Amino acid sequence: MSSLTSSKKTNLFIVLCGIFLANAILAEMIGVKIFSLEQTFGFNPAQIPLLKGFVLDFNLTAGVVIWPAVFITTDIINEYFGKEGVKKISYLTVALISYVFVVIWIVTYLAPADFWLGINSTDNNGGAFDVNYAFNKIFRQGAGIIIGSLVAFLVGQLLDVYVFHKLRKITGSKMIWARATGSTLVSQLVDSFVVLFIAFYILAPSNAQWSVQQVISVGIINYIYKFGIAILITPLLYVAHFIIDKYLGKELADQTAEEAASKSEGFF
């Protein structure tokens, strides 16, 4: 392999890793906000009856807004760098997200400066406002949520790459949409429920524990959203493949994808 070819592949992997890491970490950071999908677009809450009278709206974590970028990047890394590429970036992401949470946890225990409290002592309406309390409330997440999120992420990524390459054996180099969408739909089905069961059922304190019905109901809503997004972003996947094939050159792109597929046997 020439130095130019090696350099192009390395540059591509670095760029994809950068996009993946930035969006995965950012999704965890902004995920503390829950927003109403219906009201964002000017509609009334859906009020969907699910499981023993439990009613749900499309209230979603803000992290899902940028998660499509993670979906696309995962599929691209899957295609050109295979299981080893996805594993490397997934383990690195888990390590960096853990680091971010540790740093934030430490920072929330730093004593706030008096002047900072003073200049942020009122809200826009002139009411009393404790900026340090707000900072800590927003950025501190329970251990259950953090552990559940990381476990679900890692299991989802490993399952995604496994299903992706099982489908690639069937489709060959064609039908990109089938293996990309199919792997995302399977992995996110697991991801949507694992994080909720761990965070809000298994590790949740008794006074905040969700019922199994509630976990299943919220998981269904999350999966419906992810299902829709996975379908909608399929054209963007083809655009990404076109750009990468232009950058690497069709011959090198095809060779790289075939090498990745040949080295992606098994789950782990």
Protein backbone atom coordinates (compact mmCIF):
# COMPACT_ATOMS: atom_id res chain seq x y z
CA MET A 1 0.00 0.00 0.00
CA SER A 2 1.42 3.40 -1.00
CA SER A 3 1.96 6.14 1.57
CA LEU A 4 -0.68 8.27 -0.16
CA THR A 5 -3.24 5.48 0.03
CA SER A 6 -2.45 4.83 3.68
CA SER A 7 -2.62 8.54 4.43
CA LYS A 8 -6.04 8.88 2.82
CA LYS A 9 -7.45 5.97 4.80
CA THR A 10 -5.95 7.30 8.03
CA ASN A 11 -7.31 10.79 7.37
CA LEU A 12 -10.75 9.37 6.64
CA PHE A 13 -10.77 7.36 9.87
CA ILE A 14 -9.66 10.39 11.90
CA VAL A 15 -12.39 12.58 10.41
CA LEU A 16 -15.06 9.93 10.99
CA CYS A 17 -13.84 9.38 14.56
CA GLY A 18 -13.93 13.11 15.22
CA ILE A 19 -17.52 13.41 13.97
CA PHE A 20 -18.58 10.33 15.92
CA LEU A 21 -16.91 11.35 19.20
CA ALA A 22 -18.12 14.95 19.06
CA ASN A 23 -21.74 13.96 18.48
CA ALA A 24 -21.78 11.01 20.91
CA ILE A 25 -20.34 13.07 23.76
CA LEU A 26 -22.50 16.09 22.94
CA ALA A 27 -25.60 13.86 22.88
CA GLU A 28 -24.80 12.72 26.43
CA MET A 29 -24.31 16.33 27.56
CA ILE A 30 -27.53 17.75 26.14
CA GLY A 31 -29.49 14.60 26.92
CA VAL A 32 -30.50 16.00 30.32
CA LYS A 33 -33.11 18.14 28.57
CA ILE A 34 -36.41 16.45 27.72
CA PHE A 35 -38.39 18.16 24.98
CA SER A 36 -41.87 17.74 23.53
CA LEU A 37 -41.66 16.78 19.87
CA GLU A 38 -45.32 17.62 19.26
CA GLN A 39 -45.23 21.05 20.87
CA THR A 40 -41.96 21.90 19.14
CA PHE A 41 -43.87 21.65 15.84
CA GLY A 42 -46.97 23.36 17.21
CA PHE A 43 -49.14 20.29 17.87
CA ASN A 44 -50.91 19.14 21.00
CA PRO A 45 -49.38 16.26 22.99
CA ALA A 46 -50.17 12.89 21.40
CA GLN A 47 -51.57 11.31 24.61
CA ILE A 48 -51.07 7.76 23.32
CA PRO A 49 -52.63 5.13 25.63
CA LEU A 50 -50.17 2.29 26.28
CA LEU A 51 -50.10 -0.62 28.70
CA LYS A 52 -52.64 -0.54 31.54
CA GLY A 53 -53.79 3.01 31.02
CA PHE A 54 -50.31 4.53 30.90
CA VAL A 55 -50.46 7.50 28.51
CA LEU A 56 -47.42 8.76 26.64
CA ASP A 57 -46.48 11.79 24.60
CA PHE A 58 -43.46 12.16 22.33
CA ASN A 59 -41.25 13.55 25.06
CA LEU A 60 -37.68 12.80 24.05
CA THR A 61 -34.17 13.48 25.27
CA ALA A 62 -32.51 16.35 23.40
CA GLY A 63 -29.66 13.99 22.55
CA VAL A 64 -31.76 12.34 19.84
CA VAL A 65 -31.60 15.56 17.80
CA ILE A 66 -27.98 14.91 16.84
CA TRP A 67 -27.98 11.11 17.15
CA PRO A 68 -28.60 10.70 13.37
CA ALA A 69 -25.01 11.87 12.88
CA VAL A 70 -23.88 8.97 15.06
CA PHE A 71 -26.04 6.54 13.06
CA ILE A 72 -24.54 7.66 9.75
CA THR A 73 -20.96 7.73 11.04
CA THR A 74 -21.32 4.26 12.55
CA ASP A 75 -22.55 2.87 9.23
CA ILE A 76 -19.70 4.54 7.32
CA ILE A 77 -17.08 3.20 9.75
CA ASN A 78 -18.79 -0.20 9.50
CA GLU A 79 -18.56 -0.13 5.73
CA TYR A 80 -14.93 0.98 5.33
CA PHE A 81 -13.24 -0.12 8.57
CA GLY A 82 -15.36 -3.04 9.75
CA LYS A 83 -15.74 -4.47 13.23
CA GLU A 84 -12.28 -3.43 14.42
CA GLY A 85 -12.91 0.18 13.45
CA VAL A 86 -16.28 0.31 15.20
CA LYS A 87 -14.89 -1.40 18.31
CA LYS A 88 -11.98 1.03 18.56
CA ILE A 89 -14.15 4.12 18.32
CA SER A 90 -16.87 2.65 20.58
CA TYR A 91 -14.44 1.77 23.40
CA LEU A 92 -12.76 5.16 23.06
CA THR A 93 -16.13 6.90 23.20
CA VAL A 94 -17.14 5.05 26.38
CA ALA A 95 -13.82 6.00 27.98
CA LEU A 96 -14.14 9.66 27.00
CA ILE A 97 -17.78 9.93 28.08
CA SER A 98 -16.82 8.41 31.43
CA TYR A 99 -14.00 10.95 31.72
CA VAL A 100 -16.39 13.80 30.91
CA PHE A 101 -18.84 12.72 33.61
CA VAL A 102 -16.06 12.36 36.21
CA VAL A 103 -14.75 15.86 35.45
CA ILE A 104 -18.24 17.36 35.57
CA TRP A 105 -18.98 15.58 38.85
CA ILE A 106 -15.80 17.05 40.36
CA VAL A 107 -16.54 20.54 39.02
CA THR A 108 -20.02 20.59 40.57
CA TYR A 109 -18.39 20.37 44.02
CA LEU A 110 -16.20 23.45 43.48
CA ALA A 111 -17.27 26.41 45.63
CA PRO A 112 -18.94 29.07 43.44
CA ALA A 113 -17.45 32.58 43.36
CA ASP A 114 -19.58 35.21 45.09
CA PHE A 115 -19.52 37.62 42.14
CA TRP A 116 -20.69 34.82 39.79
CA LEU A 117 -23.62 34.11 42.08
CA GLY A 118 -24.32 37.84 42.31
CA ILE A 119 -24.46 38.63 38.61
CA ASN A 120 -26.67 35.57 38.05
CA SER A 121 -28.94 36.10 41.07
CA THR A 122 -32.09 36.97 39.10
CA ASP A 123 -33.85 35.44 36.10
CA ASN A 124 -35.27 37.34 33.12
CA ASN A 125 -38.38 38.23 35.11
CA GLY A 126 -36.47 39.55 38.09
CA GLY A 127 -37.11 36.50 40.26
CA ALA A 128 -34.51 34.95 42.54
CA PHE A 129 -32.22 32.55 40.73
CA ASP A 130 -29.53 30.24 42.12
CA VAL A 131 -27.18 29.69 39.17
CA ASN A 132 -24.98 27.22 41.08
CA TYR A 133 -27.97 25.05 41.95
CA ALA A 134 -29.11 25.18 38.32
CA PHE A 135 -25.63 24.25 37.06
CA ASN A 136 -25.39 21.29 39.42
CA LYS A 137 -28.95 20.17 38.71
CA ILE A 138 -28.39 20.19 34.95
CA PHE A 139 -24.98 18.56 34.80
CA ARG A 140 -25.17 15.99 37.60
CA GLN A 141 -26.71 12.77 36.38
CA GLY A 142 -27.46 9.76 38.52
CA ALA A 143 -25.07 6.81 38.38
CA GLY A 144 -27.88 4.63 37.06
CA ILE A 145 -28.45 6.89 34.06
CA ILE A 146 -24.74 7.08 33.27
CA ILE A 147 -24.17 3.33 33.59
CA GLY A 148 -27.34 2.52 31.67
CA SER A 149 -26.42 4.91 28.89
CA LEU A 150 -22.88 3.57 28.51
CA VAL A 151 -23.91 -0.10 28.60
CA ALA A 152 -26.73 0.48 26.11
CA PHE A 153 -24.38 2.43 23.82
CA LEU A 154 -21.70 -0.25 23.81
CA VAL A 155 -24.10 -3.18 23.36
CA GLY A 156 -25.90 -1.26 20.62
CA GLN A 157 -22.65 -0.54 18.75
CA LEU A 158 -21.44 -4.16 18.90
CA LEU A 159 -24.84 -5.43 17.79
CA ASP A 160 -24.94 -2.86 14.99
CA VAL A 161 -21.63 -3.98 13.49
CA TYR A 162 -22.57 -7.66 13.85
CA VAL A 163 -25.93 -7.26 12.04
CA PHE A 164 -24.40 -4.89 9.47
CA HIS A 165 -21.87 -7.45 8.27
CA LYS A 166 -24.33 -10.33 8.42
CA LEU A 167 -26.52 -8.35 6.02
CA ARG A 168 -23.50 -7.41 3.90
CA LYS A 169 -22.82 -11.09 3.29
CA ILE A 170 -26.30 -11.29 1.80
CA THR A 171 -26.31 -8.00 -0.13
CA GLY A 172 -22.65 -7.82 -1.13
CA SER A 173 -21.50 -4.31 -2.00
CA LYS A 174 -25.01 -3.39 -3.19
CA MET A 175 -28.11 -2.32 -1.22
CA ILE A 176 -26.33 -0.01 1.21
CA TRP A 177 -29.71 1.07 2.58
CA ALA A 178 -30.60 -2.51 3.59
CA ARG A 179 -27.58 -3.22 5.78
CA ALA A 180 -27.34 0.31 7.17
CA THR A 181 -31.02 0.66 8.05
CA GLY A 182 -31.40 -2.96 9.11
CA SER A 183 -28.45 -2.86 11.52
CA THR A 184 -29.61 0.44 13.01
CA LEU A 185 -33.16 -0.79 13.54
CA VAL A 186 -31.98 -3.94 15.33
CA SER A 187 -29.31 -2.25 17.48
CA GLN A 188 -31.56 0.63 18.48
CA LEU A 189 -34.34 -1.73 19.47
CA VAL A 190 -31.96 -3.10 22.11
CA ASP A 191 -30.48 0.30 22.97
CA SER A 192 -33.88 1.91 23.52
CA PHE A 193 -34.83 -0.58 26.23
CA VAL A 194 -31.48 -1.45 27.84
CA VAL A 195 -30.77 2.10 28.99
CA LEU A 196 -34.24 2.50 30.48
CA PHE A 197 -34.23 -0.84 32.30
CA ILE A 198 -30.82 -0.21 33.82
CA ALA A 199 -31.27 3.48 34.64
CA PHE A 200 -34.89 3.59 35.77
CA TYR A 201 -35.70 0.06 36.89
CA ILE A 202 -32.64 -1.95 37.96
CA LEU A 203 -30.43 0.82 39.43
CA ALA A 204 -33.07 3.43 40.26
CA PRO A 205 -33.74 4.24 43.94
CA SER A 206 -36.97 2.70 45.23
CA ASN A 207 -38.73 6.08 45.42
CA ALA A 208 -37.94 6.83 41.77
CA GLN A 209 -38.20 3.36 40.22
CA TRP A 210 -40.33 3.06 37.10
CA SER A 211 -42.74 0.21 36.59
CA VAL A 212 -42.00 -2.37 33.89
CA GLN A 213 -45.00 -1.04 31.96
CA GLN A 214 -43.59 2.48 32.03
CA VAL A 215 -40.15 1.33 30.88
CA ILE A 216 -41.69 -0.58 27.97
CA SER A 217 -43.97 2.31 27.05
CA VAL A 218 -41.19 4.91 27.00
CA GLY A 219 -38.93 2.45 25.14
CA ILE A 220 -41.58 2.04 22.45
CA ILE A 221 -41.85 5.81 21.97
CA ASN A 222 -38.06 6.19 21.76
CA TYR A 223 -37.83 3.36 19.25
CA ILE A 224 -40.59 4.76 17.05
CA TYR A 225 -38.63 8.00 16.82
CA LYS A 226 -35.34 6.24 16.04
CA PHE A 227 -37.09 3.99 13.51
CA GLY A 228 -38.39 7.03 11.66
CA ILE A 229 -35.05 8.83 11.75
CA ALA A 230 -33.17 5.75 10.47
CA ILE A 231 -35.46 5.69 7.42
CA LEU A 232 -35.32 9.45 6.79
CA ILE A 233 -31.52 9.74 6.85
CA THR A 234 -30.94 6.95 4.30
CA PRO A 235 -30.35 9.43 1.41
CA LEU A 236 -27.65 11.14 3.50
CA LEU A 237 -25.85 7.80 3.76
CA TYR A 238 -25.61 7.61 -0.03
CA VAL A 239 -24.30 11.18 -0.14
CA ALA A 240 -21.62 10.26 2.41
CA HIS A 241 -20.63 7.18 0.38
CA PHE A 242 -20.39 9.29 -2.79
CA ILE A 243 -18.09 11.83 -1.10
CA ILE A 244 -15.85 9.12 0.39
CA ASP A 245 -15.64 7.20 -2.90
CA LYS A 246 -14.58 10.43 -4.60
CA TYR A 247 -11.94 11.08 -1.94
CA LEU A 248 -10.47 7.58 -1.84
CA GLY A 249 -11.09 6.73 -5.46
CA LYS A 250 -13.56 4.01 -6.46
CA GLU A 251 -10.96 1.24 -6.60
CA LEU A 252 -9.48 1.98 -3.16
CA ALA A 253 -12.93 2.52 -1.67
CA ASP A 254 -14.15 -0.87 -2.90
CA GLN A 255 -10.95 -2.58 -1.78
CA THR A 256 -11.18 -1.00 1.68
CA ALA A 257 -14.81 -2.05 2.09
CA GLU A 258 -14.08 -5.64 1.02
CA GLU A 259 -11.14 -5.90 3.44
CA ALA A 260 -13.32 -4.57 6.26
CA ALA A 261 -16.04 -7.12 5.50
CA SER A 262 -13.59 -10.02 5.41
CA LYS A 263 -12.28 -9.17 8.90
CA SER A 264 -15.65 -8.66 10.59
CA GLU A 265 -16.67 -12.14 11.69
CA GLY A 266 -18.33 -12.77 15.06
CA PHE A 267 -19.89 -10.50 17.67
CA PHE A 268 -16.88 -9.46 19.76
